[in-house]
């Protein structure tokens, strides 16, 4: 892989050396044990302010042209997943030390968390059921072979039920973690969840 161009990123501190960006992409695909698309990888880069959008698009284009990576359709044909070729693997192994270790590890973790969140969103159902004296809010978190969580809460009004439904959809993981923490007397996790909620409220 030739040491080619530099591109000026719009955000200070972003990785702007095209040579290093391409190495980073090869490393992330090689070291991640789950399938993901270029759009998901870009989401993580933008969230972490690692590589700007235009640099990312250029790097992906060049890596596909040089056959360091490939895009293969999923079984359903609705997505194209990124794969690293033997040339890309050799690049990742030989040149890994040319990019910051934190950039690689942070991106890998970001991809894994994004895929996990997408999977949970697909396996999560939040329904409102009308009752004679109010509403029942039902949250189901499914997993292969069984449900991780099946929770029902009573709400006296429709407005409250709809508000709680929105919160349940955005905080399903926290609800599950919180229930486990209460049952296990895990005060550390409860404190972390409470601090996250407080910080989120202060940012609003």
N, C-alpha and C. Protein backbone atom coordinates (compact mmCIF):
# COMPACT_ATOMS: atom_id res chain seq x y z
N UNK A 1 0.86 -1.19 0.00
CA UNK A 1 0.00 0.00 0.00
C UNK A 1 0.88 1.23 0.00
N UNK A 2 0.78 2.04 -1.05
CA UNK A 2 1.65 3.19 -1.18
C UNK A 2 1.30 4.28 -0.18
N UNK A 3 2.32 4.98 0.32
CA UNK A 3 2.09 6.13 1.19
C UNK A 3 1.71 7.30 0.30
N UNK A 4 0.37 7.51 0.19
CA UNK A 4 -0.07 8.44 -0.83
C UNK A 4 -0.46 9.80 -0.28
N UNK A 5 -1.73 10.09 -0.24
CA UNK A 5 -2.18 11.46 -0.02
C UNK A 5 -2.50 11.76 1.43
N UNK A 6 -2.52 13.04 1.72
CA UNK A 6 -3.03 13.56 2.99
C UNK A 6 -4.29 14.35 2.66
N UNK A 7 -5.26 14.31 3.56
CA UNK A 7 -6.46 15.12 3.36
C UNK A 7 -6.73 15.90 4.62
N UNK A 8 -7.14 17.14 4.46
CA UNK A 8 -7.39 18.01 5.60
C UNK A 8 -8.79 17.73 6.15
N UNK A 9 -8.88 17.28 7.39
CA UNK A 9 -10.16 17.00 8.01
C UNK A 9 -10.75 18.27 8.59
N UNK A 10 -12.09 18.31 8.65
CA UNK A 10 -12.78 19.50 9.14
C UNK A 10 -12.77 19.58 10.65
N UNK A 11 -12.48 18.46 11.33
CA UNK A 11 -12.45 18.46 12.80
C UNK A 11 -11.03 18.23 13.29
N UNK A 12 -10.52 19.09 14.16
CA UNK A 12 -9.15 18.93 14.67
C UNK A 12 -8.98 17.59 15.39
N UNK A 13 -7.84 16.97 15.17
CA UNK A 13 -7.54 15.73 15.88
C UNK A 13 -7.96 14.48 15.14
N UNK A 14 -8.74 14.63 14.06
CA UNK A 14 -9.15 13.47 13.28
C UNK A 14 -7.95 12.88 12.54
N UNK A 15 -8.03 11.60 12.26
CA UNK A 15 -7.00 10.94 11.47
C UNK A 15 -7.15 11.43 10.03
N UNK A 16 -6.10 12.08 9.50
CA UNK A 16 -6.22 12.71 8.19
C UNK A 16 -5.25 12.17 7.14
N UNK A 17 -4.36 11.29 7.54
CA UNK A 17 -3.43 10.70 6.59
C UNK A 17 -4.13 9.54 5.89
N UNK A 18 -4.34 9.67 4.56
CA UNK A 18 -5.11 8.66 3.82
C UNK A 18 -4.47 7.28 3.93
N UNK A 19 -3.15 7.23 3.94
CA UNK A 19 -2.42 5.97 4.10
C UNK A 19 -2.81 5.29 5.41
N UNK A 20 -2.84 6.06 6.50
CA UNK A 20 -3.17 5.51 7.81
C UNK A 20 -4.66 5.17 7.92
N UNK A 21 -5.51 5.96 7.27
CA UNK A 21 -6.94 5.68 7.29
C UNK A 21 -7.22 4.33 6.65
N UNK A 22 -6.55 4.05 5.55
CA UNK A 22 -6.77 2.77 4.86
C UNK A 22 -6.24 1.60 5.68
N UNK A 23 -5.13 1.80 6.36
CA UNK A 23 -4.62 0.76 7.26
C UNK A 23 -5.62 0.52 8.39
N UNK A 24 -6.13 1.59 8.95
CA UNK A 24 -7.10 1.49 10.04
C UNK A 24 -8.32 0.69 9.61
N UNK A 25 -8.85 0.96 8.43
CA UNK A 25 -10.02 0.24 7.93
C UNK A 25 -9.71 -1.24 7.77
N UNK A 26 -8.56 -1.56 7.21
CA UNK A 26 -8.17 -2.98 7.06
C UNK A 26 -8.05 -3.65 8.42
N UNK A 27 -7.45 -2.97 9.39
CA UNK A 27 -7.29 -3.52 10.73
C UNK A 27 -8.63 -3.78 11.40
N UNK A 28 -9.55 -2.83 11.27
CA UNK A 28 -10.86 -2.96 11.93
C UNK A 28 -11.65 -4.13 11.34
N UNK A 29 -11.66 -4.24 10.02
CA UNK A 29 -12.37 -5.36 9.39
C UNK A 29 -11.74 -6.68 9.78
N UNK A 30 -10.40 -6.70 9.79
CA UNK A 30 -9.67 -7.93 10.13
C UNK A 30 -9.88 -8.35 11.58
N UNK A 31 -9.93 -7.38 12.50
CA UNK A 31 -9.97 -7.70 13.92
C UNK A 31 -11.39 -7.82 14.48
N UNK A 32 -12.39 -7.43 13.71
CA UNK A 32 -13.77 -7.52 14.18
C UNK A 32 -14.37 -8.85 13.74
N UNK A 33 -14.97 -9.55 14.68
CA UNK A 33 -15.50 -10.89 14.39
C UNK A 33 -16.97 -10.89 13.99
N UNK A 34 -17.50 -9.73 13.63
CA UNK A 34 -18.88 -9.65 13.18
C UNK A 34 -18.94 -8.92 11.85
N UNK A 35 -20.00 -9.17 11.10
CA UNK A 35 -20.16 -8.55 9.79
C UNK A 35 -20.78 -7.16 9.95
N UNK A 36 -20.31 -6.21 9.14
CA UNK A 36 -20.87 -4.87 9.16
C UNK A 36 -20.71 -4.23 7.79
N UNK A 37 -21.48 -3.20 7.54
CA UNK A 37 -21.45 -2.51 6.25
C UNK A 37 -20.56 -1.27 6.33
N UNK A 38 -20.28 -0.70 5.18
CA UNK A 38 -19.46 0.53 5.17
C UNK A 38 -20.23 1.68 5.82
N UNK A 39 -21.54 1.64 5.75
CA UNK A 39 -22.35 2.70 6.37
C UNK A 39 -22.26 2.62 7.90
N UNK A 40 -22.25 1.40 8.43
CA UNK A 40 -22.11 1.23 9.87
C UNK A 40 -20.72 1.64 10.34
N UNK A 41 -19.71 1.31 9.55
CA UNK A 41 -18.34 1.72 9.90
C UNK A 41 -18.23 3.24 9.88
N UNK A 42 -18.83 3.86 8.88
CA UNK A 42 -18.80 5.32 8.82
C UNK A 42 -19.52 5.95 10.01
N UNK A 43 -20.64 5.36 10.44
CA UNK A 43 -21.36 5.87 11.61
C UNK A 43 -20.45 5.91 12.84
N UNK A 44 -19.67 4.85 13.02
CA UNK A 44 -18.77 4.78 14.17
C UNK A 44 -17.66 5.80 14.04
N UNK A 45 -17.10 5.94 12.85
CA UNK A 45 -16.04 6.94 12.63
C UNK A 45 -16.55 8.34 12.93
N UNK A 46 -17.77 8.64 12.49
CA UNK A 46 -18.32 9.98 12.71
C UNK A 46 -18.64 10.21 14.18
N UNK A 47 -19.18 9.18 14.84
CA UNK A 47 -19.50 9.29 16.27
C UNK A 47 -18.25 9.52 17.10
N UNK A 48 -17.18 8.81 16.75
CA UNK A 48 -15.92 8.93 17.50
C UNK A 48 -15.03 10.07 16.99
N UNK A 49 -15.46 10.75 15.94
CA UNK A 49 -14.65 11.82 15.32
C UNK A 49 -13.26 11.31 14.95
N UNK A 50 -13.22 10.12 14.36
CA UNK A 50 -11.94 9.50 13.99
C UNK A 50 -11.53 9.87 12.57
N UNK A 51 -12.46 9.73 11.63
CA UNK A 51 -12.19 10.03 10.22
C UNK A 51 -13.40 10.78 9.67
N UNK A 52 -13.17 11.88 8.94
CA UNK A 52 -14.33 12.59 8.42
C UNK A 52 -14.94 11.85 7.23
N UNK A 53 -16.14 12.24 6.87
CA UNK A 53 -16.93 11.52 5.88
C UNK A 53 -16.23 11.44 4.53
N UNK A 54 -15.68 12.55 4.07
CA UNK A 54 -15.09 12.59 2.73
C UNK A 54 -13.81 11.75 2.66
N UNK A 55 -13.02 11.79 3.72
CA UNK A 55 -11.81 10.95 3.78
C UNK A 55 -12.19 9.47 3.80
N UNK A 56 -13.24 9.15 4.56
CA UNK A 56 -13.71 7.76 4.65
C UNK A 56 -14.14 7.26 3.27
N UNK A 57 -14.94 8.03 2.57
CA UNK A 57 -15.43 7.62 1.25
C UNK A 57 -14.28 7.39 0.27
N UNK A 58 -13.29 8.27 0.30
CA UNK A 58 -12.14 8.14 -0.58
C UNK A 58 -11.33 6.89 -0.23
N UNK A 59 -11.14 6.65 1.06
CA UNK A 59 -10.36 5.48 1.50
C UNK A 59 -11.05 4.18 1.11
N UNK A 60 -12.36 4.10 1.32
CA UNK A 60 -13.12 2.90 0.95
C UNK A 60 -13.03 2.66 -0.56
N UNK A 61 -13.18 3.72 -1.33
CA UNK A 61 -13.12 3.62 -2.78
C UNK A 61 -11.77 3.06 -3.24
N UNK A 62 -10.69 3.59 -2.67
CA UNK A 62 -9.35 3.15 -3.06
C UNK A 62 -9.07 1.72 -2.61
N UNK A 63 -9.53 1.34 -1.42
CA UNK A 63 -9.32 -0.02 -0.93
C UNK A 63 -10.06 -1.04 -1.78
N UNK A 64 -11.24 -0.68 -2.25
CA UNK A 64 -11.99 -1.58 -3.14
C UNK A 64 -11.30 -1.70 -4.50
N UNK A 65 -10.75 -0.60 -4.97
CA UNK A 65 -10.06 -0.60 -6.26
C UNK A 65 -8.80 -1.45 -6.22
N UNK A 66 -8.08 -1.38 -5.11
CA UNK A 66 -6.83 -2.14 -4.98
C UNK A 66 -7.04 -3.56 -4.45
N UNK A 67 -8.30 -3.92 -4.21
CA UNK A 67 -8.68 -5.27 -3.75
C UNK A 67 -8.16 -5.60 -2.35
N UNK A 68 -7.96 -4.58 -1.53
CA UNK A 68 -7.63 -4.85 -0.12
C UNK A 68 -8.88 -5.30 0.63
N UNK A 69 -10.04 -4.79 0.20
CA UNK A 69 -11.31 -5.20 0.80
C UNK A 69 -12.32 -5.50 -0.30
N UNK A 70 -13.37 -6.21 0.06
CA UNK A 70 -14.46 -6.52 -0.85
C UNK A 70 -15.79 -6.25 -0.17
N UNK A 71 -16.81 -6.03 -0.97
CA UNK A 71 -18.18 -5.95 -0.48
C UNK A 71 -18.96 -7.14 -1.03
N UNK A 72 -19.56 -7.93 -0.13
CA UNK A 72 -20.34 -9.08 -0.55
C UNK A 72 -21.77 -8.94 -0.03
N UNK A 73 -22.76 -9.23 -0.89
CA UNK A 73 -24.16 -9.12 -0.47
C UNK A 73 -24.49 -10.12 0.64
N UNK A 74 -25.39 -9.74 1.52
CA UNK A 74 -25.88 -10.65 2.55
C UNK A 74 -26.77 -11.70 1.89
N UNK A 75 -27.15 -12.72 2.64
CA UNK A 75 -27.98 -13.80 2.10
C UNK A 75 -29.32 -13.28 1.60
N UNK A 76 -29.82 -12.21 2.25
CA UNK A 76 -31.10 -11.63 1.84
C UNK A 76 -30.92 -10.63 0.70
N UNK A 77 -29.68 -10.21 0.47
CA UNK A 77 -29.39 -9.29 -0.62
C UNK A 77 -29.67 -7.84 -0.33
N UNK A 78 -30.09 -7.53 0.91
CA UNK A 78 -30.43 -6.15 1.24
C UNK A 78 -29.27 -5.34 1.79
N UNK A 79 -28.15 -6.01 2.07
CA UNK A 79 -26.97 -5.33 2.60
C UNK A 79 -25.72 -5.85 1.92
N UNK A 80 -24.66 -5.04 1.96
CA UNK A 80 -23.36 -5.47 1.47
C UNK A 80 -22.36 -5.36 2.61
N UNK A 81 -21.81 -6.51 3.02
CA UNK A 81 -20.88 -6.53 4.14
C UNK A 81 -19.44 -6.38 3.66
N UNK A 82 -18.62 -5.79 4.50
CA UNK A 82 -17.21 -5.60 4.18
C UNK A 82 -16.40 -6.83 4.56
N UNK A 83 -15.53 -7.25 3.66
CA UNK A 83 -14.61 -8.36 3.91
C UNK A 83 -13.20 -7.90 3.59
N UNK A 84 -12.24 -8.39 4.33
CA UNK A 84 -10.85 -8.08 4.05
C UNK A 84 -10.24 -9.24 3.27
N UNK A 85 -9.52 -8.94 2.19
CA UNK A 85 -8.88 -9.97 1.38
C UNK A 85 -7.54 -10.37 2.01
N UNK A 86 -6.87 -11.33 1.41
CA UNK A 86 -5.55 -11.73 1.91
C UNK A 86 -4.58 -10.55 1.87
N UNK A 87 -4.71 -9.72 0.83
CA UNK A 87 -3.86 -8.53 0.73
C UNK A 87 -4.19 -7.57 1.87
N UNK A 88 -5.46 -7.43 2.18
CA UNK A 88 -5.87 -6.56 3.28
C UNK A 88 -5.40 -7.08 4.62
N UNK A 89 -5.46 -8.41 4.80
CA UNK A 89 -4.98 -9.03 6.04
C UNK A 89 -3.49 -8.79 6.22
N UNK A 90 -2.74 -8.97 5.14
CA UNK A 90 -1.29 -8.74 5.21
C UNK A 90 -1.00 -7.29 5.58
N UNK A 91 -1.78 -6.37 5.03
CA UNK A 91 -1.62 -4.95 5.34
C UNK A 91 -1.91 -4.69 6.82
N UNK A 92 -3.00 -5.28 7.31
CA UNK A 92 -3.39 -5.07 8.71
C UNK A 92 -2.32 -5.60 9.67
N UNK A 93 -1.79 -6.77 9.37
CA UNK A 93 -0.80 -7.41 10.24
C UNK A 93 0.55 -6.67 10.19
N UNK A 94 0.98 -6.35 8.97
CA UNK A 94 2.32 -5.77 8.81
C UNK A 94 2.38 -4.30 9.20
N UNK A 95 1.29 -3.56 8.99
CA UNK A 95 1.34 -2.10 9.17
C UNK A 95 0.50 -1.59 10.34
N UNK A 96 0.04 -2.49 11.18
CA UNK A 96 -0.83 -2.11 12.30
C UNK A 96 -0.22 -1.02 13.17
N UNK A 97 1.09 -1.08 13.38
CA UNK A 97 1.75 -0.12 14.27
C UNK A 97 1.86 1.29 13.68
N UNK A 98 1.42 1.44 12.44
CA UNK A 98 1.47 2.76 11.82
C UNK A 98 0.27 3.64 12.17
N UNK A 99 -0.74 3.05 12.84
CA UNK A 99 -1.91 3.83 13.24
C UNK A 99 -2.08 3.73 14.76
N UNK A 100 -2.69 4.72 15.37
CA UNK A 100 -2.86 4.68 16.83
C UNK A 100 -3.66 3.46 17.29
N UNK A 101 -3.15 2.78 18.30
CA UNK A 101 -3.85 1.60 18.82
C UNK A 101 -5.24 1.95 19.33
N UNK A 102 -5.36 3.15 19.91
CA UNK A 102 -6.67 3.56 20.45
C UNK A 102 -7.69 3.72 19.33
N UNK A 103 -7.25 4.16 18.15
CA UNK A 103 -8.17 4.34 17.03
C UNK A 103 -8.74 2.99 16.59
N UNK A 104 -7.87 1.96 16.59
CA UNK A 104 -8.32 0.62 16.21
C UNK A 104 -9.28 0.06 17.25
N UNK A 105 -8.84 0.05 18.51
CA UNK A 105 -9.65 -0.56 19.56
C UNK A 105 -10.97 0.17 19.75
N UNK A 106 -10.95 1.50 19.68
CA UNK A 106 -12.17 2.28 19.87
C UNK A 106 -13.16 2.02 18.73
N UNK A 107 -12.65 1.86 17.51
CA UNK A 107 -13.53 1.59 16.38
C UNK A 107 -14.11 0.19 16.45
N UNK A 108 -13.29 -0.78 16.82
CA UNK A 108 -13.77 -2.16 16.95
C UNK A 108 -14.87 -2.24 18.00
N UNK A 109 -14.64 -1.62 19.15
CA UNK A 109 -15.66 -1.60 20.21
C UNK A 109 -16.92 -0.88 19.74
N UNK A 110 -16.72 0.22 19.02
CA UNK A 110 -17.87 0.97 18.50
C UNK A 110 -18.71 0.16 17.54
N UNK A 111 -18.05 -0.59 16.66
CA UNK A 111 -18.77 -1.45 15.72
C UNK A 111 -19.54 -2.53 16.47
N UNK A 112 -18.88 -3.18 17.43
CA UNK A 112 -19.53 -4.25 18.18
C UNK A 112 -20.74 -3.73 18.95
N UNK A 113 -20.61 -2.55 19.54
CA UNK A 113 -21.73 -1.96 20.28
C UNK A 113 -22.87 -1.57 19.35
N UNK A 114 -22.52 -1.06 18.17
CA UNK A 114 -23.54 -0.66 17.20
C UNK A 114 -24.33 -1.87 16.72
N UNK A 115 -23.63 -2.96 16.40
CA UNK A 115 -24.30 -4.18 15.94
C UNK A 115 -25.17 -4.75 17.05
N UNK A 116 -24.65 -4.73 18.27
CA UNK A 116 -25.40 -5.23 19.42
C UNK A 116 -26.68 -4.42 19.61
N UNK A 117 -26.57 -3.11 19.48
CA UNK A 117 -27.74 -2.24 19.64
C UNK A 117 -28.75 -2.50 18.53
N UNK A 118 -28.28 -2.65 17.29
CA UNK A 118 -29.18 -2.94 16.17
C UNK A 118 -29.91 -4.26 16.38
N UNK A 119 -29.17 -5.26 16.90
CA UNK A 119 -29.77 -6.57 17.14
C UNK A 119 -30.83 -6.48 18.24
N UNK A 120 -30.53 -5.71 19.28
CA UNK A 120 -31.49 -5.54 20.36
C UNK A 120 -32.73 -4.81 19.89
N UNK A 121 -32.54 -3.82 19.01
CA UNK A 121 -33.68 -3.08 18.48
C UNK A 121 -34.61 -4.00 17.69
N UNK A 122 -34.02 -4.92 16.93
CA UNK A 122 -34.82 -5.86 16.15
C UNK A 122 -35.55 -6.85 17.05
N UNK A 123 -34.92 -7.20 18.18
CA UNK A 123 -35.49 -8.20 19.08
C UNK A 123 -36.34 -7.60 20.19
N UNK A 124 -36.58 -6.30 20.13
CA UNK A 124 -37.30 -5.62 21.19
C UNK A 124 -38.69 -5.22 20.72
N UNK A 125 -39.69 -5.50 21.57
CA UNK A 125 -41.07 -5.12 21.26
C UNK A 125 -41.65 -4.37 22.45
N UNK A 126 -42.24 -3.21 22.18
CA UNK A 126 -42.90 -2.43 23.23
C UNK A 126 -44.32 -2.12 22.76
N UNK A 127 -45.30 -2.68 23.45
CA UNK A 127 -46.70 -2.55 23.05
C UNK A 127 -47.53 -1.91 24.15
N UNK A 128 -48.59 -1.21 23.74
CA UNK A 128 -49.55 -0.64 24.67
C UNK A 128 -50.88 -1.39 24.49
N UNK A 129 -51.40 -1.92 25.59
CA UNK A 129 -52.66 -2.67 25.53
C UNK A 129 -53.71 -1.95 26.38
N UNK A 130 -54.87 -1.66 25.77
CA UNK A 130 -55.95 -0.96 26.47
C UNK A 130 -56.63 -1.89 27.47
N UNK A 131 -56.85 -1.37 28.67
CA UNK A 131 -57.57 -2.09 29.72
C UNK A 131 -58.79 -1.28 30.13
N UNK A 132 -59.66 -1.88 30.90
CA UNK A 132 -60.86 -1.17 31.34
C UNK A 132 -60.54 0.00 32.26
N UNK A 133 -59.46 -0.12 33.04
CA UNK A 133 -59.11 0.92 34.01
C UNK A 133 -57.83 1.66 33.66
N UNK A 134 -57.32 1.48 32.46
CA UNK A 134 -56.09 2.15 32.08
C UNK A 134 -55.40 1.45 30.92
N UNK A 135 -54.07 1.37 30.98
CA UNK A 135 -53.28 0.78 29.90
C UNK A 135 -52.17 -0.10 30.48
N UNK A 136 -51.87 -1.17 29.76
CA UNK A 136 -50.74 -2.03 30.11
C UNK A 136 -49.64 -1.81 29.08
N UNK A 137 -48.45 -1.52 29.57
CA UNK A 137 -47.27 -1.35 28.72
C UNK A 137 -46.45 -2.63 28.81
N UNK A 138 -46.25 -3.28 27.67
CA UNK A 138 -45.56 -4.58 27.64
C UNK A 138 -44.25 -4.46 26.90
N UNK A 139 -43.16 -4.82 27.55
CA UNK A 139 -41.82 -4.80 26.96
C UNK A 139 -41.28 -6.22 26.88
N UNK A 140 -40.91 -6.65 25.68
CA UNK A 140 -40.34 -7.98 25.48
C UNK A 140 -39.00 -7.85 24.78
N UNK A 141 -37.96 -8.41 25.38
CA UNK A 141 -36.63 -8.45 24.78
C UNK A 141 -36.33 -9.90 24.45
N UNK A 142 -36.35 -10.21 23.16
CA UNK A 142 -36.22 -11.59 22.71
C UNK A 142 -34.77 -11.97 22.48
N UNK A 143 -34.52 -13.25 22.62
CA UNK A 143 -33.22 -13.83 22.31
C UNK A 143 -33.48 -15.20 21.75
N UNK A 144 -32.52 -15.75 21.01
CA UNK A 144 -32.70 -17.05 20.39
C UNK A 144 -33.07 -18.11 21.43
N UNK A 145 -34.23 -18.72 21.25
CA UNK A 145 -34.65 -19.81 22.14
C UNK A 145 -35.46 -19.37 23.33
N UNK A 146 -35.37 -18.10 23.74
CA UNK A 146 -36.11 -17.65 24.91
C UNK A 146 -36.13 -16.12 24.95
N UNK A 147 -36.93 -15.57 25.87
CA UNK A 147 -36.97 -14.13 26.06
C UNK A 147 -36.03 -13.73 27.20
N UNK A 148 -35.21 -12.72 26.97
CA UNK A 148 -34.36 -12.21 28.03
C UNK A 148 -35.19 -11.47 29.08
N UNK A 149 -36.26 -10.82 28.60
CA UNK A 149 -37.08 -10.05 29.51
C UNK A 149 -38.50 -9.95 28.97
N UNK A 150 -39.48 -10.13 29.85
CA UNK A 150 -40.89 -9.98 29.50
C UNK A 150 -41.54 -9.21 30.65
N UNK A 151 -41.76 -7.90 30.44
CA UNK A 151 -42.15 -7.01 31.52
C UNK A 151 -43.45 -6.30 31.19
N UNK A 152 -44.37 -6.22 32.17
CA UNK A 152 -45.61 -5.48 32.00
C UNK A 152 -45.77 -4.45 33.12
N UNK A 153 -46.16 -3.22 32.75
CA UNK A 153 -46.39 -2.15 33.71
C UNK A 153 -47.76 -1.53 33.46
N UNK A 154 -48.43 -1.17 34.54
CA UNK A 154 -49.74 -0.52 34.41
C UNK A 154 -49.56 0.99 34.33
N UNK A 155 -50.30 1.63 33.42
CA UNK A 155 -50.30 3.09 33.29
C UNK A 155 -51.74 3.58 33.33
N UNK A 156 -52.05 4.59 34.15
CA UNK A 156 -53.43 5.05 34.28
C UNK A 156 -53.94 5.82 33.07
N UNK A 157 -53.02 6.48 32.31
CA UNK A 157 -53.46 7.29 31.17
C UNK A 157 -52.71 6.90 29.90
N UNK A 158 -53.32 7.23 28.77
CA UNK A 158 -52.71 6.92 27.48
C UNK A 158 -51.46 7.76 27.26
N UNK A 159 -51.51 9.03 27.65
CA UNK A 159 -50.35 9.92 27.47
C UNK A 159 -49.13 9.39 28.21
N UNK A 160 -49.34 8.93 29.45
CA UNK A 160 -48.24 8.39 30.24
C UNK A 160 -47.72 7.10 29.61
N UNK A 161 -48.64 6.27 29.12
CA UNK A 161 -48.23 5.01 28.48
C UNK A 161 -47.38 5.28 27.24
N UNK A 162 -47.77 6.26 26.45
CA UNK A 162 -47.02 6.59 25.23
C UNK A 162 -45.65 7.17 25.56
N UNK A 163 -45.59 8.00 26.62
CA UNK A 163 -44.31 8.55 27.05
C UNK A 163 -43.38 7.44 27.53
N UNK A 164 -43.91 6.52 28.35
CA UNK A 164 -43.10 5.41 28.85
C UNK A 164 -42.69 4.48 27.73
N UNK A 165 -43.54 4.33 26.71
CA UNK A 165 -43.20 3.50 25.56
C UNK A 165 -41.98 4.05 24.84
N UNK A 166 -41.93 5.38 24.65
CA UNK A 166 -40.76 6.00 24.01
C UNK A 166 -39.50 5.79 24.83
N UNK A 167 -39.63 5.93 26.15
CA UNK A 167 -38.47 5.75 27.03
C UNK A 167 -38.00 4.30 27.02
N UNK A 168 -38.94 3.37 27.02
CA UNK A 168 -38.58 1.95 27.00
C UNK A 168 -37.84 1.58 25.73
N UNK A 169 -38.25 2.16 24.60
CA UNK A 169 -37.60 1.87 23.33
C UNK A 169 -36.16 2.37 23.31
N UNK A 170 -35.93 3.52 23.94
CA UNK A 170 -34.58 4.10 23.90
C UNK A 170 -33.68 3.60 25.02
N UNK A 171 -34.28 2.99 26.06
CA UNK A 171 -33.49 2.60 27.23
C UNK A 171 -33.69 1.14 27.62
N UNK A 172 -33.97 0.30 26.63
CA UNK A 172 -34.22 -1.12 26.91
C UNK A 172 -33.05 -1.77 27.63
N UNK A 173 -31.84 -1.52 27.13
CA UNK A 173 -30.65 -2.12 27.73
C UNK A 173 -30.48 -1.68 29.18
N UNK A 174 -30.69 -0.39 29.45
CA UNK A 174 -30.56 0.12 30.82
C UNK A 174 -31.60 -0.51 31.75
N UNK A 175 -32.81 -0.70 31.24
CA UNK A 175 -33.87 -1.32 32.04
C UNK A 175 -33.47 -2.74 32.42
N UNK A 176 -32.96 -3.48 31.43
CA UNK A 176 -32.54 -4.87 31.67
C UNK A 176 -31.39 -4.92 32.67
N UNK A 177 -30.39 -4.05 32.46
CA UNK A 177 -29.23 -4.00 33.36
C UNK A 177 -29.64 -3.60 34.77
N UNK A 178 -30.59 -2.67 34.86
CA UNK A 178 -31.03 -2.17 36.16
C UNK A 178 -31.75 -3.25 36.94
N UNK A 179 -32.61 -4.02 36.28
CA UNK A 179 -33.33 -5.10 36.96
C UNK A 179 -32.35 -6.14 37.48
N UNK A 180 -31.38 -6.51 36.64
CA UNK A 180 -30.38 -7.49 37.08
C UNK A 180 -29.56 -6.95 38.25
N UNK A 181 -29.20 -5.66 38.17
CA UNK A 181 -28.39 -5.06 39.23
C UNK A 181 -29.15 -5.03 40.56
N UNK A 182 -30.45 -4.73 40.51
CA UNK A 182 -31.26 -4.72 41.74
C UNK A 182 -31.32 -6.12 42.34
N UNK A 183 -31.56 -7.12 41.51
CA UNK A 183 -31.68 -8.49 42.00
C UNK A 183 -30.36 -9.04 42.52
N UNK A 184 -29.24 -8.53 41.97
CA UNK A 184 -27.93 -9.01 42.37
C UNK A 184 -27.25 -8.09 43.39
N UNK A 185 -27.97 -7.04 43.82
CA UNK A 185 -27.40 -6.05 44.74
C UNK A 185 -26.10 -5.44 44.19
N UNK A 186 -26.12 -5.20 42.87
CA UNK A 186 -24.95 -4.64 42.20
C UNK A 186 -25.03 -3.11 42.26
N UNK A 187 -24.56 -2.54 43.35
CA UNK A 187 -24.68 -1.10 43.56
C UNK A 187 -23.82 -0.30 42.58
N UNK A 188 -22.73 -0.87 42.13
CA UNK A 188 -21.85 -0.17 41.19
C UNK A 188 -22.57 0.08 39.87
N UNK A 189 -23.22 -0.95 39.33
CA UNK A 189 -23.95 -0.79 38.07
C UNK A 189 -25.10 0.19 38.22
N UNK A 190 -25.83 0.10 39.33
CA UNK A 190 -26.93 1.02 39.58
C UNK A 190 -26.44 2.46 39.64
N UNK A 191 -25.30 2.66 40.27
CA UNK A 191 -24.72 4.00 40.36
C UNK A 191 -24.32 4.53 38.99
N UNK A 192 -23.75 3.65 38.15
CA UNK A 192 -23.34 4.05 36.80
C UNK A 192 -24.55 4.44 35.97
N UNK A 193 -25.63 3.66 36.07
CA UNK A 193 -26.85 3.95 35.32
C UNK A 193 -27.44 5.29 35.78
N UNK A 194 -27.44 5.50 37.10
CA UNK A 194 -27.98 6.75 37.66
C UNK A 194 -27.15 7.95 37.20
N UNK A 195 -25.83 7.81 37.17
CA UNK A 195 -24.96 8.90 36.73
C UNK A 195 -25.15 9.21 35.25
N UNK A 196 -25.31 8.14 34.44
CA UNK A 196 -25.56 8.34 33.00
C UNK A 196 -26.86 9.09 32.79
N UNK A 197 -27.90 8.72 33.55
CA UNK A 197 -29.20 9.39 33.43
C UNK A 197 -29.09 10.85 33.84
N UNK A 198 -28.32 11.11 34.90
CA UNK A 198 -28.15 12.48 35.39
C UNK A 198 -27.40 13.32 34.36
N UNK A 199 -26.34 12.78 33.79
CA UNK A 199 -25.56 13.51 32.79
C UNK A 199 -26.40 13.80 31.55
N UNK A 200 -27.24 12.82 31.16
CA UNK A 200 -28.10 13.01 30.00
C UNK A 200 -29.10 14.12 30.24
N UNK A 201 -29.67 14.14 31.45
CA UNK A 201 -30.65 15.18 31.81
C UNK A 201 -30.01 16.55 31.80
N UNK A 202 -28.78 16.66 32.27
CA UNK A 202 -28.08 17.94 32.32
C UNK A 202 -27.74 18.46 30.93
N UNK A 203 -27.57 17.53 29.98
CA UNK A 203 -27.24 17.93 28.61
C UNK A 203 -28.46 18.41 27.83
N UNK A 204 -29.66 18.01 28.28
CA UNK A 204 -30.87 18.35 27.55
C UNK A 204 -31.20 19.84 27.69
